[in-house]
Amino acid sequence: MIFILLGATAAVLYGSGEPEPLTGLSWTSLLPPLMAIALALITKQAHLSLFTGIVIGVMVMTGGFWSGLTSTLDHYLVQSLAGSAGHTSILFFTLAFGGLIGVMSANGSMKGVVQAASKYATNNFRGQLVTAFLGLVIFFDDYSNTLLVGNMMRPFTDKVKISREKLSYLVDSTAAPVASLAVISTWSIFQASLLDAPYRTHGITQNSYFTFLQSIPFSFYCIFTLLFLFFTVFMKREFGAMLKAETRSQTTGKVLAEGAQPMMDKSLIDQFDSSETSHWSFAAIPISLVIMITIGGLFITGLNSLSDGVEKSFRNIIGAADANTALIWGSFLSGFAAIGISLIRGLLTLPKAMEAWINGVRSMVMACIILILAWTIGDVCADMKTAEYIVSLSSGFITPKLLPAITFITAAAISFSTGSSWATMSILVPVIVPMAIQLLGGNGNEAVQTPIFLSSFAAVLSGSVFGDHCSPISDTTVLSSTASGADHIDHVRTQLPYALVSAGIALFTGFIFVGMGMSLLLSHVLGIALVAAVVRFFGKTIIVK
């Protein structure tokens, strides 16, 4: 009897010992993301919540507590880096970019930027407008957009009493939406490339990139999110948790809430405060180099990757480019340039410059830990078939009229649960394209020209971005909190109502209306009117005495 009890106890504690991907679809696949998200919102401890969600998922796969814990540590966490060169590249880029910001903070050039900008953006309204405008300008990649705009504007927005919650919202909502709507960006090329395989399978002769261009007006969530953002800025109105955050900041000067845990090492901010002011160009040169080297890197890696005989067109070059390599080149080389400028102009000694760079790298460690955990829970969800289970729930009752709306909701659910918009697009596009062609009569070349098909393809993108905006386990959401120096959970909590409103309008006036056969122009007119009405009648102006 004793041996039986010991055996049963060991089975519960230790399980099978090796994590094995689930073979069937089950509601248990929802446990890791739901637990992580719920704990994060309740405890405000993003690291612990993500880790708990991972362990729970691995426990389900291995059948025991101890095996779940150990497999999390020695298998999934290791594989999230060792198994993905892309993830490692993003970490290097993030750390190196932190080093660049550290040097510019220490040599006083960031203060110079704030001083120069303060001549034009003299108040809260202009500060928000400049931040939003910069978010439109940096369109070629969402990571570059987030880290550049957030870090550049944070010292200045603090000065004009813009809350860190609003700054992170401005940064996050002009990153993926702008990059995904841009004619040329890492996002647009990736989205178009997902169509290549299903187009070949169904004998579709139309260029996949042309289909992407046609789908841009149907990306309702991304469009309405940008409009919503600018309406809040121009009308000077907020509501919900964002209203409380902006009221606190503008009336008391406290850009962070009481007890907030900003996603940045305080030493970097102290370094900025203690530095002498130098000319703004000493920051502008390295930042310009980030952009130029990254764009140049896209062309170089793209040209090197093209096969012999392939046309060296702009689209083919960007499509074959290695964005992660280009970003690493840009962040490291611009950091070296910032150190060189500091030495040549006598702003810092070599030991001080290196110390500043290391402090900047150190400031990004917390964000990197969360990024690793976010990627790991994504791997766990992949092995547990979370996305496939969500797709299976909606596949039985889809009609052509419902396809765009259901696709949007499904993409949002998958992106929210997995924290990855790109993974969501990779999963759904191969599913939605054949489904749309079949529902629309089976003729692929005719189907891809219809509003139903274009809006369904765009719904994958829009839903992915929406779920990504709402999810505390999303890497782009983490980077937005990091670059803005905001509390991660506060950023998610304040952005969520705005994202839900934009998504609701996109679903109703966009994807449902298009499915019913209404004109694209009517969808946009009604959507814009609703966005303006919500901000006008639900938002409140902050009165500073």
Protein backbone atom coordinates (compact mmCIF):
# COMPACT_ATOMS: atom_id res chain seq x y z
CA MET A 1 0.00 0.00 0.00
CA ILE A 2 2.82 2.35 0.92
CA PHE A 3 4.55 1.67 -2.42
CA ILE A 4 1.31 2.38 -4.30
CA LEU A 5 0.91 5.74 -2.51
CA LEU A 6 4.56 6.62 -3.15
CA GLY A 7 4.14 5.72 -6.80
CA ALA A 8 1.03 7.88 -7.12
CA THR A 9 2.76 10.79 -5.38
CA ALA A 10 5.79 10.48 -7.66
CA ALA A 11 3.53 10.49 -10.73
CA VAL A 12 1.91 13.74 -9.62
CA LEU A 13 5.18 15.37 -8.70
CA TYR A 14 7.40 14.10 -11.46
CA GLY A 15 5.09 13.10 -14.31
CA SER A 16 6.61 11.77 -17.50
CA GLY A 17 9.69 13.96 -17.22
CA GLU A 18 9.77 15.07 -20.87
CA PRO A 19 7.44 17.71 -22.37
CA GLU A 20 5.54 16.31 -25.35
CA PRO A 21 3.35 18.45 -27.64
CA LEU A 22 -0.33 17.61 -27.22
CA THR A 23 -1.75 15.46 -30.01
CA GLY A 24 -5.38 16.62 -29.67
CA LEU A 25 -7.18 19.90 -29.17
CA SER A 26 -8.34 20.70 -25.64
CA TRP A 27 -9.56 23.63 -23.54
CA THR A 28 -6.51 23.05 -21.31
CA SER A 29 -4.41 24.74 -24.02
CA LEU A 30 -5.96 28.03 -22.88
CA LEU A 31 -4.69 27.65 -19.31
CA PRO A 32 -1.13 29.09 -19.74
CA PRO A 33 -2.09 32.41 -21.38
CA LEU A 34 -5.25 32.91 -19.32
CA MET A 35 -3.44 32.26 -16.02
CA ALA A 36 -0.53 34.52 -17.00
CA ILE A 37 -2.80 37.37 -18.08
CA ALA A 38 -5.12 37.08 -15.05
CA LEU A 39 -2.22 36.97 -12.58
CA ALA A 40 -0.50 39.90 -14.29
CA LEU A 41 -3.60 42.08 -14.02
CA ILE A 42 -4.21 41.04 -10.38
CA THR A 43 -0.67 41.06 -8.97
CA LYS A 44 1.00 43.56 -11.38
CA GLN A 45 4.01 41.20 -11.31
CA ALA A 46 4.54 40.51 -15.00
CA HIS A 47 7.64 38.31 -14.56
CA LEU A 48 6.08 36.01 -11.96
CA SER A 49 2.77 35.81 -13.85
CA LEU A 50 4.40 34.81 -17.12
CA PHE A 51 6.59 32.22 -15.42
CA THR A 52 3.59 30.74 -13.61
CA GLY A 53 1.65 30.46 -16.87
CA ILE A 54 4.60 28.69 -18.50
CA VAL A 55 4.99 26.21 -15.65
CA ILE A 56 1.25 25.40 -15.66
CA GLY A 57 1.38 24.67 -19.38
CA VAL A 58 4.43 22.44 -19.12
CA MET A 59 2.87 20.64 -16.13
CA VAL A 60 -0.13 19.74 -18.29
CA MET A 61 2.18 18.33 -20.98
CA THR A 62 4.48 16.40 -18.62
CA GLY A 63 1.86 15.34 -16.09
CA GLY A 64 3.70 16.44 -12.95
CA PHE A 65 4.67 19.49 -10.93
CA TRP A 66 8.40 18.79 -10.65
CA SER A 67 8.77 17.75 -14.28
CA GLY A 68 6.82 20.84 -15.32
CA LEU A 69 9.11 23.12 -13.32
CA THR A 70 12.37 21.52 -14.42
CA SER A 71 11.34 21.27 -18.08
CA THR A 72 10.44 24.95 -17.99
CA LEU A 73 13.93 25.80 -16.77
CA ASP A 74 16.10 23.43 -18.77
CA HIS A 75 14.06 23.07 -21.95
CA TYR A 76 11.63 25.87 -22.78
CA LEU A 77 13.55 28.86 -21.43
CA VAL A 78 16.74 27.64 -23.09
CA GLN A 79 14.99 26.85 -26.38
CA SER A 80 13.36 30.28 -26.58
CA LEU A 81 16.88 31.64 -27.18
CA ALA A 82 18.94 28.71 -28.45
CA GLY A 83 16.25 27.65 -30.88
CA SER A 84 15.67 31.08 -32.42
CA ALA A 85 18.32 33.30 -33.95
CA GLY A 86 15.63 35.94 -34.40
CA HIS A 87 14.93 36.12 -30.66
CA THR A 88 18.63 36.40 -29.85
CA SER A 89 19.00 39.17 -32.42
CA ILE A 90 16.11 41.14 -30.89
CA LEU A 91 17.71 40.86 -27.44
CA PHE A 92 21.06 42.10 -28.78
CA PHE A 93 19.33 44.98 -30.57
CA THR A 94 17.39 45.92 -27.43
CA LEU A 95 20.47 45.79 -25.18
CA ALA A 96 22.65 47.72 -27.66
CA PHE A 97 19.97 50.34 -28.11
CA GLY A 98 19.89 50.73 -24.33
CA GLY A 99 23.66 51.30 -24.47
CA LEU A 100 23.16 54.04 -27.08
CA ILE A 101 20.54 55.78 -24.92
CA GLY A 102 22.87 55.47 -21.92
CA VAL A 103 25.69 57.29 -23.72
CA MET A 104 23.40 60.04 -25.02
CA SER A 105 21.95 60.49 -21.53
CA ALA A 106 25.42 60.77 -19.96
CA ASN A 107 26.94 63.14 -22.56
CA GLY A 108 24.06 65.60 -22.23
CA SER A 109 22.84 65.36 -25.83
CA MET A 110 19.45 63.99 -24.77
CA LYS A 111 19.05 67.07 -22.61
CA GLY A 112 20.00 69.11 -25.66
CA VAL A 113 17.20 67.48 -27.64
CA VAL A 114 14.71 68.28 -24.88
CA GLN A 115 15.93 71.87 -24.74
CA ALA A 116 15.65 72.25 -28.53
CA ALA A 117 12.23 70.60 -28.65
CA SER A 118 10.92 72.73 -25.80
CA LYS A 119 11.07 75.79 -28.08
CA TYR A 120 8.37 74.24 -30.28
CA ALA A 121 6.50 71.81 -28.07
CA THR A 122 5.93 74.03 -25.10
CA ASN A 123 3.04 72.23 -23.43
CA ASN A 124 1.27 68.92 -22.93
CA PHE A 125 -0.71 69.15 -26.19
CA ARG A 126 2.30 69.87 -28.39
CA GLY A 127 4.34 67.19 -26.63
CA GLN A 128 1.71 64.56 -27.44
CA LEU A 129 1.45 65.82 -31.02
CA VAL A 130 5.22 65.66 -31.61
CA THR A 131 5.36 62.14 -30.14
CA ALA A 132 2.50 60.95 -32.35
CA PHE A 133 4.04 62.58 -35.43
CA LEU A 134 7.40 60.88 -34.79
CA GLY A 135 5.53 57.59 -34.55
CA LEU A 136 4.30 58.14 -38.11
CA VAL A 137 7.75 59.08 -39.40
CA ILE A 138 9.51 55.91 -38.16
CA PHE A 139 7.41 53.57 -40.30
CA PHE A 140 9.82 50.87 -41.51
CA ASP A 141 9.84 48.66 -38.37
CA ASP A 142 7.79 48.52 -35.18
CA TYR A 143 10.73 47.73 -32.87
CA SER A 144 12.73 50.67 -34.21
CA ASN A 145 9.67 52.89 -33.92
CA THR A 146 9.00 51.91 -30.31
CA LEU A 147 12.55 52.21 -28.99
CA LEU A 148 13.42 55.38 -30.91
CA VAL A 149 10.28 57.38 -30.16
CA GLY A 150 9.84 56.24 -26.56
CA ASN A 151 13.42 56.86 -25.50
CA MET A 152 13.79 60.14 -27.39
CA MET A 153 10.55 61.67 -26.13
CA ARG A 154 10.46 60.39 -22.54
CA PRO A 155 12.64 63.12 -20.97
CA PHE A 156 10.69 65.83 -22.76
CA THR A 157 7.20 64.41 -22.10
CA ASP A 158 8.12 64.18 -18.41
CA LYS A 159 8.89 67.90 -18.51
CA VAL A 160 5.48 68.83 -19.96
CA LYS A 161 3.68 66.45 -17.55
CA ILE A 162 2.55 63.77 -19.97
CA SER A 163 1.99 60.59 -17.98
CA ARG A 164 4.13 57.58 -18.77
CA GLU A 165 0.89 55.69 -19.42
CA LYS A 166 -0.10 58.12 -22.19
CA LEU A 167 3.42 58.15 -23.62
CA SER A 168 3.49 54.35 -23.82
CA TYR A 169 0.05 54.42 -25.47
CA LEU A 170 1.25 56.93 -28.08
CA VAL A 171 4.34 54.81 -28.72
CA ASP A 172 2.55 51.45 -28.86
CA SER A 173 -0.32 52.69 -31.03
CA THR A 174 1.94 54.23 -33.66
CA ALA A 175 4.31 51.26 -33.90
CA ALA A 176 2.64 48.13 -35.30
CA PRO A 177 -0.33 50.01 -36.87
CA VAL A 178 1.98 52.34 -38.79
CA ALA A 179 4.45 49.61 -39.81
CA SER A 180 1.60 47.33 -40.93
CA LEU A 181 -0.03 50.04 -43.07
CA ALA A 182 3.21 51.27 -44.64
CA VAL A 183 3.72 50.44 -48.30
CA ILE A 184 7.27 49.29 -47.54
CA SER A 185 8.21 47.98 -44.10
CA THR A 186 9.30 44.75 -42.45
CA TRP A 187 5.62 44.11 -41.63
CA SER A 188 4.19 44.72 -45.09
CA ILE A 189 6.73 42.46 -46.80
CA PHE A 190 6.13 39.72 -44.23
CA GLN A 191 2.36 39.90 -44.67
CA ALA A 192 2.60 39.76 -48.45
CA SER A 193 5.02 36.81 -48.30
CA LEU A 194 2.46 34.75 -46.34
CA LEU A 195 0.25 34.73 -49.44
CA ASP A 196 2.90 33.20 -51.72
CA ALA A 197 2.36 29.55 -50.72
CA PRO A 198 -1.47 29.50 -50.84
CA TYR A 199 -1.38 31.48 -54.11
CA ARG A 200 0.86 28.83 -55.69
CA THR A 201 -1.37 26.02 -54.38
CA HIS A 202 -4.52 27.54 -55.87
CA GLY A 203 -2.93 28.70 -59.12
CA ILE A 204 -3.48 32.40 -58.40
CA THR A 205 -1.49 34.55 -60.80
CA GLN A 206 -1.95 37.92 -59.09
CA ASN A 207 1.11 39.34 -57.34
CA SER A 208 0.80 38.78 -53.58
CA TYR A 209 2.29 42.19 -52.82
CA PHE A 210 -0.41 43.82 -54.96
CA THR A 211 -3.03 41.99 -52.89
CA PHE A 212 -1.47 43.45 -49.74
CA LEU A 213 -1.67 46.96 -51.21
CA GLN A 214 -5.34 46.41 -52.08
CA SER A 215 -6.03 45.22 -48.52
CA ILE A 216 -4.64 48.33 -46.77
CA PRO A 217 -7.97 50.27 -46.77
CA PHE A 218 -9.61 47.21 -45.13
CA SER A 219 -7.21 47.23 -42.13
CA PHE A 220 -9.88 48.94 -40.08
CA TYR A 221 -8.44 48.43 -36.59
CA CYS A 222 -5.04 49.89 -37.48
CA ILE A 223 -6.65 52.86 -39.25
CA PHE A 224 -9.17 53.60 -36.49
CA THR A 225 -6.52 53.17 -33.78
CA LEU A 226 -4.40 55.91 -35.36
CA LEU A 227 -7.46 58.15 -35.79
CA PHE A 228 -8.55 57.52 -32.19
CA LEU A 229 -5.08 58.46 -30.96
CA PHE A 230 -5.01 61.75 -32.88
CA PHE A 231 -8.58 62.62 -31.84
CA THR A 232 -7.62 62.27 -28.14
CA VAL A 233 -4.64 64.56 -28.76
CA PHE A 234 -6.46 67.25 -30.77
CA MET A 235 -9.63 67.22 -28.66
CA LYS A 236 -7.58 67.09 -25.43
CA ARG A 237 -9.96 64.50 -23.99
CA GLU A 238 -9.39 61.22 -22.15
CA PHE A 239 -11.58 58.64 -20.42
CA GLY A 240 -11.27 55.58 -18.22
CA ALA A 241 -7.95 54.68 -16.62
CA MET A 242 -6.09 57.02 -18.98
CA LEU A 243 -8.10 59.97 -17.70
CA LYS A 244 -7.00 59.19 -14.14
CA ALA A 245 -3.37 58.84 -15.23
CA GLU A 246 -3.33 62.12 -17.18
CA THR A 247 -5.20 63.96 -14.40
CA ARG A 248 -2.61 62.78 -11.88
CA SER A 249 0.30 63.76 -14.11
CA GLN A 250 -1.01 67.18 -15.17
CA THR A 251 -2.24 68.24 -11.74
CA THR A 252 0.55 66.85 -9.54
CA GLY A 253 3.46 66.41 -11.96
CA LYS A 254 3.72 62.70 -11.05
CA VAL A 255 4.24 60.96 -14.39
CA LEU A 256 4.14 57.55 -12.68
CA ALA A 257 1.46 56.19 -10.37
CA GLU A 258 2.18 55.55 -6.72
CA GLY A 259 3.89 52.18 -6.39
CA ALA A 260 4.52 51.87 -10.13
CA GLN A 261 7.37 49.65 -11.28
CA PRO A 262 8.72 51.29 -14.46
CA MET A 263 10.31 48.99 -17.04
CA MET A 264 13.65 50.76 -16.85
CA ASP A 265 16.55 50.97 -14.45
CA LYS A 266 16.26 54.20 -12.43
CA SER A 267 20.02 54.73 -12.75
CA LEU A 268 19.59 55.66 -16.41
CA ILE A 269 17.13 58.42 -15.50
CA ASP A 270 19.45 59.62 -12.73
CA GLN A 271 22.28 59.66 -15.26
CA PHE A 272 20.18 61.88 -17.53
CA ASP A 273 19.29 64.24 -14.69
CA SER A 274 22.91 64.64 -13.50
CA SER A 275 24.46 65.25 -16.95
CA GLU A 276 25.41 68.64 -18.39
CA THR A 277 23.46 69.85 -21.41
CA SER A 278 25.24 69.52 -24.77
CA HIS A 279 24.17 70.27 -28.34
CA TRP A 280 21.16 68.33 -29.69
CA SER A 281 23.07 67.30 -32.81
CA PHE A 282 25.26 64.95 -30.73
CA ALA A 283 22.09 62.86 -30.24
CA ALA A 284 20.64 63.50 -33.70
CA ILE A 285 23.69 62.07 -35.47
CA PRO A 286 23.61 58.62 -33.75
CA ILE A 287 19.81 58.41 -34.04
CA SER A 288 20.02 59.27 -37.75
CA LEU A 289 22.68 56.59 -38.08
CA VAL A 290 20.33 54.01 -36.55
CA ILE A 291 17.77 54.74 -39.24
CA MET A 292 20.22 54.98 -42.16
CA ILE A 293 22.26 51.91 -41.18
CA THR A 294 19.10 49.86 -40.59
CA ILE A 295 17.65 50.81 -43.98
CA GLY A 296 21.05 50.23 -45.61
CA GLY A 297 21.29 46.88 -43.82
CA LEU A 298 17.92 45.84 -45.22
CA PHE A 299 19.20 46.47 -48.75
CA ILE A 300 22.58 44.78 -48.18
CA THR A 301 21.14 41.64 -46.57
CA GLY A 302 18.34 41.57 -49.13
CA LEU A 303 20.72 41.74 -52.08
CA ASN A 304 22.98 39.08 -50.58
CA SER A 305 20.01 36.76 -50.01
CA LEU A 306 18.54 36.98 -53.51
CA SER A 307 19.05 33.88 -55.62
CA ASP A 308 20.66 34.08 -59.03
CA GLY A 309 18.18 35.00 -61.70
CA VAL A 310 15.74 36.68 -59.32
CA GLU A 311 14.83 40.22 -60.34
CA LYS A 312 16.55 42.80 -58.13
CA SER A 313 13.38 44.82 -57.60
CA PHE A 314 12.74 46.96 -54.53
CA ARG A 315 10.10 44.54 -53.27
CA ASN A 316 12.26 41.43 -53.77
CA ILE A 317 15.24 43.05 -52.04
CA ILE A 318 13.24 44.12 -48.98
CA GLY A 319 11.40 40.79 -48.95
CA ALA A 320 14.67 38.86 -48.81
CA ALA A 321 16.25 41.17 -46.22
CA ASP A 322 17.21 40.11 -42.70
CA ALA A 323 15.61 42.82 -40.56
CA ASN A 324 17.12 41.52 -37.31
CA THR A 325 20.66 41.72 -38.70
CA ALA A 326 20.03 45.25 -39.98
CA LEU A 327 18.71 46.32 -36.57
CA ILE A 328 21.76 44.90 -34.79
CA TRP A 329 24.09 46.78 -37.16
CA GLY A 330 22.17 49.99 -36.59
CA SER A 331 22.06 49.80 -32.79
CA PHE A 332 25.70 48.77 -32.23
CA LEU A 333 27.32 51.03 -34.83
CA SER A 334 25.31 54.07 -33.74
CA GLY A 335 26.34 53.33 -30.15
CA PHE A 336 29.99 53.29 -31.23
CA ALA A 337 29.39 56.60 -33.02
CA ALA A 338 27.87 58.13 -29.87
CA ILE A 339 30.93 57.07 -27.86
CA GLY A 340 33.23 58.49 -30.55
CA ILE A 341 31.40 61.84 -30.57
CA SER A 342 31.58 62.00 -26.78
CA LEU A 343 35.35 61.45 -26.85
CA ILE A 344 36.11 63.81 -29.77
CA ARG A 345 34.00 66.64 -28.32
CA GLY A 346 35.35 66.11 -24.81
CA LEU A 347 31.93 65.34 -23.37
CA LEU A 348 33.02 62.11 -21.68
CA THR A 349 36.23 60.28 -20.95
CA LEU A 350 36.58 56.75 -22.31
CA PRO A 351 35.93 55.09 -18.91
CA LYS A 352 32.86 57.32 -18.38
CA ALA A 353 31.57 56.59 -21.89
CA MET A 354 31.93 52.84 -21.43
CA GLU A 355 30.31 53.03 -18.01
CA ALA A 356 27.39 54.96 -19.54
CA TRP A 357 27.00 52.37 -22.32
CA ILE A 358 26.99 49.51 -19.81
CA ASN A 359 24.45 51.34 -17.61
CA GLY A 360 22.23 51.70 -20.65
CA VAL A 361 22.52 47.99 -21.41
CA ARG A 362 21.73 47.21 -17.79
CA SER A 363 18.56 49.33 -17.97
CA MET A 364 17.12 46.93 -20.54
CA VAL A 365 17.68 43.72 -18.57
CA MET A 366 14.21 43.71 -16.99
CA ALA A 367 12.59 44.09 -20.41
CA CYS A 368 14.75 41.31 -21.85
CA ILE A 369 13.68 38.93 -19.08
CA ILE A 370 10.02 39.60 -19.88
CA LEU A 371 10.71 39.22 -23.60
CA ILE A 372 12.25 35.79 -23.00
CA LEU A 373 9.29 34.77 -20.83
CA ALA A 374 6.83 36.08 -23.45
CA TRP A 375 8.55 34.07 -26.19
CA THR A 376 8.64 31.00 -23.96
CA ILE A 377 4.91 31.08 -23.21
CA GLY A 378 4.40 31.42 -26.96
CA ASP A 379 6.37 28.20 -27.48
CA VAL A 380 4.32 26.48 -24.80
CA CYS A 381 1.09 27.63 -26.47
CA ALA A 382 2.37 26.32 -29.81
CA ASP A 383 3.06 22.86 -28.32
CA MET A 384 -0.33 22.87 -26.59
CA LYS A 385 -2.04 23.90 -29.87
CA THR A 386 -3.71 26.94 -28.31
CA ALA A 387 -4.15 28.68 -31.68
CA GLU A 388 -5.51 25.57 -33.39
CA TYR A 389 -8.06 25.09 -30.59
CA ILE A 390 -9.30 28.68 -30.95
CA VAL A 391 -9.56 28.27 -34.73
CA SER A 392 -11.52 25.03 -34.28
CA LEU A 393 -14.14 26.83 -32.17
CA SER A 394 -15.07 29.17 -35.03
CA SER A 395 -14.62 26.99 -38.12
CA GLY A 396 -17.98 25.23 -38.01
CA PHE A 397 -20.33 28.17 -38.62
CA ILE A 398 -18.46 30.49 -41.02
CA THR A 399 -20.26 31.94 -44.06
CA PRO A 400 -18.88 34.44 -46.61
CA LYS A 401 -20.73 37.30 -44.90
CA LEU A 402 -19.35 36.37 -41.48
CA LEU A 403 -15.82 35.50 -42.62
CA PRO A 404 -14.18 38.97 -42.16
CA ALA A 405 -15.70 39.52 -38.71
CA ILE A 406 -15.01 36.00 -37.42
CA THR A 407 -11.47 36.15 -38.80
CA PHE A 408 -10.87 39.42 -36.92
CA ILE A 409 -12.18 37.98 -33.64
CA THR A 410 -10.21 34.74 -34.06
CA ALA A 411 -6.97 36.59 -34.87
CA ALA A 412 -7.46 38.83 -31.84
CA ALA A 413 -8.03 35.84 -29.56
CA ILE A 414 -4.95 34.01 -30.82
CA SER A 415 -2.72 37.10 -30.66
CA PHE A 416 -3.99 37.96 -27.17
CA SER A 417 -3.36 34.41 -25.96
CA THR A 418 0.04 33.89 -27.56
CA GLY A 419 1.37 37.47 -27.39
CA SER A 420 2.61 37.34 -30.98
CA SER A 421 0.98 39.05 -33.93
CA TRP A 422 3.45 37.58 -36.46
CA ALA A 423 2.85 34.04 -35.19
CA THR A 424 -0.90 34.67 -35.43
CA MET A 425 -0.59 35.81 -39.04
CA SER A 426 1.59 32.81 -39.86
CA ILE A 427 -1.05 30.47 -38.44
CA LEU A 428 -4.19 32.09 -39.85
CA VAL A 429 -3.27 33.22 -43.38
CA PRO A 430 -2.75 29.62 -44.64
CA VAL A 431 -6.13 28.75 -43.08
CA ILE A 432 -8.19 31.80 -44.07
CA VAL A 433 -7.03 32.11 -47.71
CA PRO A 434 -8.18 28.62 -48.83
CA MET A 435 -11.36 28.98 -46.74
CA ALA A 436 -12.20 32.32 -48.37
CA ILE A 437 -11.54 30.97 -51.88
CA GLN A 438 -13.79 27.94 -51.21
CA LEU A 439 -16.61 30.05 -49.72
CA LEU A 440 -16.41 32.49 -52.65
CA GLY A 441 -16.86 29.84 -55.33
CA GLY A 442 -13.46 28.20 -55.74
CA ASN A 443 -12.02 30.45 -58.47
CA GLY A 444 -8.92 31.89 -56.80
CA ASN A 445 -8.10 34.61 -59.33
CA GLU A 446 -11.63 36.01 -59.07
CA ALA A 447 -11.94 35.53 -55.30
CA VAL A 448 -8.82 37.56 -54.42
CA GLN A 449 -10.36 40.64 -56.07
CA THR A 450 -13.47 40.67 -53.87
CA PRO A 451 -14.00 42.87 -50.79
CA ILE A 452 -14.77 39.72 -48.74
CA PHE A 453 -11.35 38.23 -49.48
CA LEU A 454 -9.41 41.48 -49.06
CA SER A 455 -11.17 42.35 -45.79
CA SER A 456 -10.65 38.79 -44.48
CA PHE A 457 -6.92 38.97 -45.24
CA ALA A 458 -6.77 42.43 -43.63
CA ALA A 459 -8.76 41.09 -40.65
CA VAL A 460 -5.92 38.68 -39.88
CA LEU A 461 -3.55 41.64 -39.67
CA SER A 462 -5.93 43.93 -37.77
CA GLY A 463 -6.98 41.24 -35.32
CA SER A 464 -3.36 40.31 -34.69
CA VAL A 465 -2.42 43.91 -33.90
CA PHE A 466 -5.51 44.36 -31.68
CA GLY A 467 -4.80 41.23 -29.63
CA ASP A 468 -1.16 42.25 -29.42
CA HIS A 469 -2.16 45.69 -28.06
CA CYS A 470 -4.32 44.14 -25.33
CA SER A 471 -1.98 41.36 -24.24
CA PRO A 472 0.45 41.86 -21.34
CA ILE A 473 2.53 38.97 -22.72
CA SER A 474 3.19 40.67 -26.09
CA ASP A 475 6.82 41.53 -26.90
CA THR A 476 5.90 44.84 -28.60
CA THR A 477 3.79 45.83 -25.59
CA VAL A 478 6.76 45.04 -23.35
CA LEU A 479 9.09 47.15 -25.51
CA SER A 480 6.61 50.06 -25.46
CA SER A 481 6.58 49.99 -21.65
CA THR A 482 10.38 49.75 -21.63
CA ALA A 483 11.06 52.59 -24.04
CA SER A 484 8.57 54.82 -22.23
CA GLY A 485 9.78 53.92 -18.75
CA ALA A 486 6.20 52.96 -17.83
CA ASP A 487 4.84 50.34 -15.46
CA HIS A 488 4.00 47.46 -17.81
CA ILE A 489 0.65 46.53 -16.28
CA ASP A 490 -0.37 50.20 -16.01
CA HIS A 491 0.36 50.56 -19.73
CA VAL A 492 -1.82 47.54 -20.57
CA ARG A 493 -4.60 48.68 -18.23
CA THR A 494 -4.79 52.23 -19.62
CA GLN A 495 -4.43 51.23 -23.28
CA LEU A 496 -7.03 48.45 -23.10
CA PRO A 497 -10.21 50.63 -23.12
CA TYR A 498 -8.93 52.64 -26.09
CA ALA A 499 -8.00 49.48 -27.99
CA LEU A 500 -11.40 47.90 -27.25
CA VAL A 501 -13.26 50.97 -28.54
CA SER A 502 -11.20 51.05 -31.75
CA ALA A 503 -11.70 47.31 -32.19
CA GLY A 504 -15.45 47.54 -31.60
CA ILE A 505 -15.81 50.27 -34.22
CA ALA A 506 -13.57 48.35 -36.65
CA LEU A 507 -15.63 45.19 -36.17
CA PHE A 508 -19.02 46.88 -36.52
CA THR A 509 -18.57 49.54 -39.20
CA GLY A 510 -15.70 47.73 -40.91
CA PHE A 511 -15.68 43.96 -41.06
CA ILE A 512 -19.40 43.37 -40.45
CA PHE A 513 -20.46 46.11 -42.90
CA VAL A 514 -18.11 44.86 -45.63
CA GLY A 515 -19.41 41.33 -45.09
CA MET A 516 -22.95 42.62 -45.58
CA GLY A 517 -21.92 44.17 -48.89
CA MET A 518 -21.81 47.82 -47.86
CA SER A 519 -19.31 50.18 -49.51
CA LEU A 520 -15.81 50.70 -48.18
CA LEU A 521 -16.36 54.48 -48.23
CA LEU A 522 -19.42 54.18 -46.00
CA SER A 523 -17.47 51.98 -43.56
CA HIS A 524 -14.74 54.58 -43.25
CA VAL A 525 -17.12 57.55 -42.94
CA LEU A 526 -19.20 55.89 -40.21
CA GLY A 527 -16.08 54.60 -38.45
CA ILE A 528 -14.43 58.02 -38.36
CA ALA A 529 -17.68 59.60 -37.12
CA LEU A 530 -17.99 57.02 -34.33
CA VAL A 531 -14.35 57.46 -33.26
CA ALA A 532 -14.84 61.24 -33.04
CA ALA A 533 -18.16 60.84 -31.21
CA VAL A 534 -16.75 58.47 -28.58
CA VAL A 535 -13.83 60.79 -27.79
CA ARG A 536 -16.09 63.86 -27.80
CA PHE A 537 -18.94 62.55 -25.64
CA PHE A 538 -17.19 60.02 -23.39
CA GLY A 539 -13.90 61.85 -23.00
CA LYS A 540 -13.31 64.62 -20.51
CA THR A 541 -10.99 67.60 -20.63
CA ILE A 542 -8.48 67.78 -17.79
CA ILE A 543 -8.67 71.08 -15.94
CA VAL A 544 -5.40 72.16 -14.34
CA LYS A 545 -5.86 74.77 -11.65
